[in-house]
Amino acid sequence: MIRRFSPLLLAALAACGPQGLPPPPALGNAPSQANLPVMGQDAAGLVRLFGNPDADVREGTARKLQFESAICVLDAYLYPKGSGEQRVTWVDARQRDGSPIDRASCIAALSRRDGGK
């Protein structure tokens, strides 16, 4: 039996391995995140919104900034478009125990965190 996996699932699985940061998702296959205020932000914009990141991972032209609050953890993936500056193209959010949480709710919680924590 042949099983087909979505490109988004494969990208997420690849992130777990030694390859590092996942490639940007194929927008035609990804759920919409266009209404999130972090989409399209550069790293400086994220710092203005949330304070300093709790983790900053760089690999090649990709970058992941991680922000934590008492409620959740947000991973913002930044990729360059052509030769332009890195911009947020995808975000993942989870509760601190790893349980799912709505991305918009996590962004709202992070916007209220005190002094970047």
C-alpha atoms as a PDB file:
ATOM      1  CA  MET A   1       0.000   0.000   0.000  1.00  0.00           C
ATOM      2  CA  ILE A   2       1.297   3.462  -0.919  1.00  0.00           C
ATOM      3  CA  ARG A   3       0.575   6.274   1.521  1.00  0.00           C
ATOM      4  CA  ARG A   4       0.627   9.906   0.545  1.00  0.00           C
ATOM      5  CA  PHE A   5       1.710  12.546   3.033  1.00  0.00           C
ATOM      6  CA  SER A   6       1.098  16.257   2.765  1.00  0.00           C
ATOM      7  CA  PRO A   7       4.122  18.484   2.111  1.00  0.00           C
ATOM      8  CA  LEU A   8       3.375  20.323   5.362  1.00  0.00           C
ATOM      9  CA  LEU A   9       3.533  17.081   7.360  1.00  0.00           C
ATOM     10  CA  LEU A  10       6.782  16.118   5.673  1.00  0.00           C
ATOM     11  CA  ALA A  11       8.254  19.558   6.438  1.00  0.00           C
ATOM     12  CA  ALA A  12       7.265  19.195  10.096  1.00  0.00           C
ATOM     13  CA  LEU A  13       8.803  15.732  10.286  1.00  0.00           C
ATOM     14  CA  ALA A  14      11.971  16.981   8.633  1.00  0.00           C
ATOM     15  CA  ALA A  15      12.282  19.623  11.364  1.00  0.00           C
ATOM     16  CA  CYS A  16      12.573  16.845  13.936  1.00  0.00           C
ATOM     17  CA  GLY A  17      15.619  15.342  12.288  1.00  0.00           C
ATOM     18  CA  PRO A  18      19.187  16.544  11.921  1.00  0.00           C
ATOM     19  CA  GLN A  19      18.351  18.635   8.861  1.00  0.00           C
ATOM     20  CA  GLY A  20      17.367  21.619  11.026  1.00  0.00           C
ATOM     21  CA  LEU A  21      14.752  24.213  10.161  1.00  0.00           C
ATOM     22  CA  PRO A  22      11.932  23.145   7.850  1.00  0.00           C
ATOM     23  CA  PRO A  23      11.584  24.706   4.418  1.00  0.00           C
ATOM     24  CA  PRO A  24       8.859  27.326   4.007  1.00  0.00           C
ATOM     25  CA  PRO A  25       5.476  25.646   3.522  1.00  0.00           C
ATOM     26  CA  ALA A  26       3.892  25.427   0.101  1.00  0.00           C
ATOM     27  CA  LEU A  27       1.199  28.063   0.532  1.00  0.00           C
ATOM     28  CA  GLY A  28      -1.327  26.172  -1.564  1.00  0.00           C
ATOM     29  CA  ASN A  29      -1.216  23.277   0.911  1.00  0.00           C
ATOM     30  CA  ALA A  30      -1.023  25.228   4.180  1.00  0.00           C
ATOM     31  CA  PRO A  31      -3.896  26.476   6.310  1.00  0.00           C
ATOM     32  CA  SER A  32      -4.289  30.251   6.112  1.00  0.00           C
ATOM     33  CA  GLN A  33      -2.315  32.316   8.576  1.00  0.00           C
ATOM     34  CA  ALA A  34      -2.689  35.550   6.606  1.00  0.00           C
ATOM     35  CA  ASN A  35      -4.820  37.202   9.308  1.00  0.00           C
ATOM     36  CA  LEU A  36      -2.140  36.838  11.997  1.00  0.00           C
ATOM     37  CA  PRO A  37      -0.399  40.134  12.854  1.00  0.00           C
ATOM     38  CA  VAL A  38       3.053  38.523  12.809  1.00  0.00           C
ATOM     39  CA  MET A  39       2.892  37.363   9.204  1.00  0.00           C
ATOM     40  CA  GLY A  40       5.301  39.295   7.006  1.00  0.00           C
ATOM     41  CA  GLN A  41       7.115  40.848   9.982  1.00  0.00           C
ATOM     42  CA  ASP A  42      10.896  40.974  10.030  1.00  0.00           C
ATOM     43  CA  ALA A  43      12.894  40.040  13.151  1.00  0.00           C
ATOM     44  CA  ALA A  44      12.916  43.644  14.411  1.00  0.00           C
ATOM     45  CA  GLY A  45       9.135  43.781  14.112  1.00  0.00           C
ATOM     46  CA  LEU A  46       8.784  40.635  16.206  1.00  0.00           C
ATOM     47  CA  VAL A  47      11.071  42.084  18.875  1.00  0.00           C
ATOM     48  CA  ARG A  48       8.927  45.233  18.952  1.00  0.00           C
ATOM     49  CA  LEU A  49       5.809  43.076  19.432  1.00  0.00           C
ATOM     50  CA  PHE A  50       7.122  40.529  21.943  1.00  0.00           C
ATOM     51  CA  GLY A  51      10.495  41.639  23.294  1.00  0.00           C
ATOM     52  CA  ASN A  52      13.693  39.653  22.877  1.00  0.00           C
ATOM     53  CA  PRO A  53      13.247  36.069  21.675  1.00  0.00           C
ATOM     54  CA  ASP A  54      13.852  33.176  24.041  1.00  0.00           C
ATOM     55  CA  ALA A  55      15.601  31.284  21.237  1.00  0.00           C
ATOM     56  CA  ASP A  56      17.109  32.358  17.924  1.00  0.00           C
ATOM     57  CA  VAL A  57      18.023  29.534  15.541  1.00  0.00           C
ATOM     58  CA  ARG A  58      19.668  30.242  12.183  1.00  0.00           C
ATOM     59  CA  GLU A  59      20.370  27.813   9.417  1.00  0.00           C
ATOM     60  CA  GLY A  60      21.373  28.928   5.964  1.00  0.00           C
ATOM     61  CA  THR A  61      18.946  31.666   4.950  1.00  0.00           C
ATOM     62  CA  ALA A  62      16.254  30.464   7.389  1.00  0.00           C
ATOM     63  CA  ARG A  63      15.684  31.674  10.927  1.00  0.00           C
ATOM     64  CA  LYS A  64      13.381  30.633  13.773  1.00  0.00           C
ATOM     65  CA  LEU A  65      12.601  33.003  16.620  1.00  0.00           C
ATOM     66  CA  GLN A  66      10.917  31.448  19.639  1.00  0.00           C
ATOM     67  CA  PHE A  67       8.916  33.460  22.149  1.00  0.00           C
ATOM     68  CA  GLU A  68       7.567  32.108  25.439  1.00  0.00           C
ATOM     69  CA  SER A  69       4.947  33.348  27.873  1.00  0.00           C
ATOM     70  CA  ALA A  70       3.424  31.780  30.975  1.00  0.00           C
ATOM     71  CA  ILE A  71       0.722  30.407  28.655  1.00  0.00           C
ATOM     72  CA  CYS A  72       2.370  29.347  25.411  1.00  0.00           C
ATOM     73  CA  VAL A  73       5.352  29.073  23.084  1.00  0.00           C
ATOM     74  CA  LEU A  74       5.368  30.599  19.598  1.00  0.00           C
ATOM     75  CA  ASP A  75       7.838  29.623  16.883  1.00  0.00           C
ATOM     76  CA  ALA A  76       8.073  32.185  14.076  1.00  0.00           C
ATOM     77  CA  TYR A  77       9.839  31.000  10.920  1.00  0.00           C
ATOM     78  CA  LEU A  78      11.480  33.668   8.790  1.00  0.00           C
ATOM     79  CA  TYR A  79      12.640  33.116   5.220  1.00  0.00           C
ATOM     80  CA  PRO A  80      13.898  35.583   2.627  1.00  0.00           C
ATOM     81  CA  LYS A  81      11.872  36.170  -0.495  1.00  0.00           C
ATOM     82  CA  GLY A  82      14.389  36.301  -3.307  1.00  0.00           C
ATOM     83  CA  SER A  83      17.255  38.479  -2.142  1.00  0.00           C
ATOM     84  CA  GLY A  84      15.060  40.418   0.294  1.00  0.00           C
ATOM     85  CA  GLU A  85      15.082  40.492   4.073  1.00  0.00           C
ATOM     86  CA  GLN A  86      13.822  37.520   6.082  1.00  0.00           C
ATOM     87  CA  ARG A  87      10.119  37.743   6.863  1.00  0.00           C
ATOM     88  CA  VAL A  88       7.740  35.559   8.875  1.00  0.00           C
ATOM     89  CA  THR A  89       6.136  33.040   6.538  1.00  0.00           C
ATOM     90  CA  TRP A  90       4.875  30.523   9.105  1.00  0.00           C
ATOM     91  CA  VAL A  91       4.160  30.281  12.837  1.00  0.00           C
ATOM     92  CA  ASP A  92       3.529  27.362  15.178  1.00  0.00           C
ATOM     93  CA  ALA A  93       2.057  27.690  18.655  1.00  0.00           C
ATOM     94  CA  ARG A  94       1.643  25.319  21.574  1.00  0.00           C
ATOM     95  CA  GLN A  95       0.898  25.458  25.269  1.00  0.00           C
ATOM     96  CA  ARG A  96       3.901  25.113  27.530  1.00  0.00           C
ATOM     97  CA  ASP A  97       3.043  21.435  28.110  1.00  0.00           C
ATOM     98  CA  GLY A  98       2.994  20.830  24.336  1.00  0.00           C
ATOM     99  CA  SER A  99      -0.784  20.785  23.989  1.00  0.00           C
ATOM    100  CA  PRO A 100      -2.300  22.637  21.022  1.00  0.00           C
ATOM    101  CA  ILE A 101      -3.339  26.272  21.329  1.00  0.00           C
ATOM    102  CA  ASP A 102      -4.856  28.690  18.867  1.00  0.00           C
ATOM    103  CA  ARG A 103      -2.094  30.753  17.239  1.00  0.00           C
ATOM    104  CA  ALA A 104      -3.987  34.033  17.602  1.00  0.00           C
ATOM    105  CA  SER A 105      -4.532  33.385  21.331  1.00  0.00           C
ATOM    106  CA  CYS A 106      -0.833  32.698  21.825  1.00  0.00           C
ATOM    107  CA  ILE A 107       0.109  35.871  19.933  1.00  0.00           C
ATOM    108  CA  ALA A 108      -2.272  37.861  22.152  1.00  0.00           C
ATOM    109  CA  ALA A 109      -0.736  36.321  25.303  1.00  0.00           C
ATOM    110  CA  LEU A 110       2.778  37.090  24.089  1.00  0.00           C
ATOM    111  CA  SER A 111       1.814  40.685  23.311  1.00  0.00           C
ATOM    112  CA  ARG A 112       0.965  41.126  26.996  1.00  0.00           C
ATOM    113  CA  ARG A 113       4.068  39.510  28.439  1.00  0.00           C
ATOM    114  CA  ASP A 114       6.089  41.735  30.749  1.00  0.00           C
ATOM    115  CA  GLY A 115       9.550  42.819  29.627  1.00  0.00           C
ATOM    116  CA  GLY A 116       9.872  40.080  27.025  1.00  0.00           C
ATOM    117  CA  LYS A 117       9.002  37.306  29.507  1.00  0.00           C
END
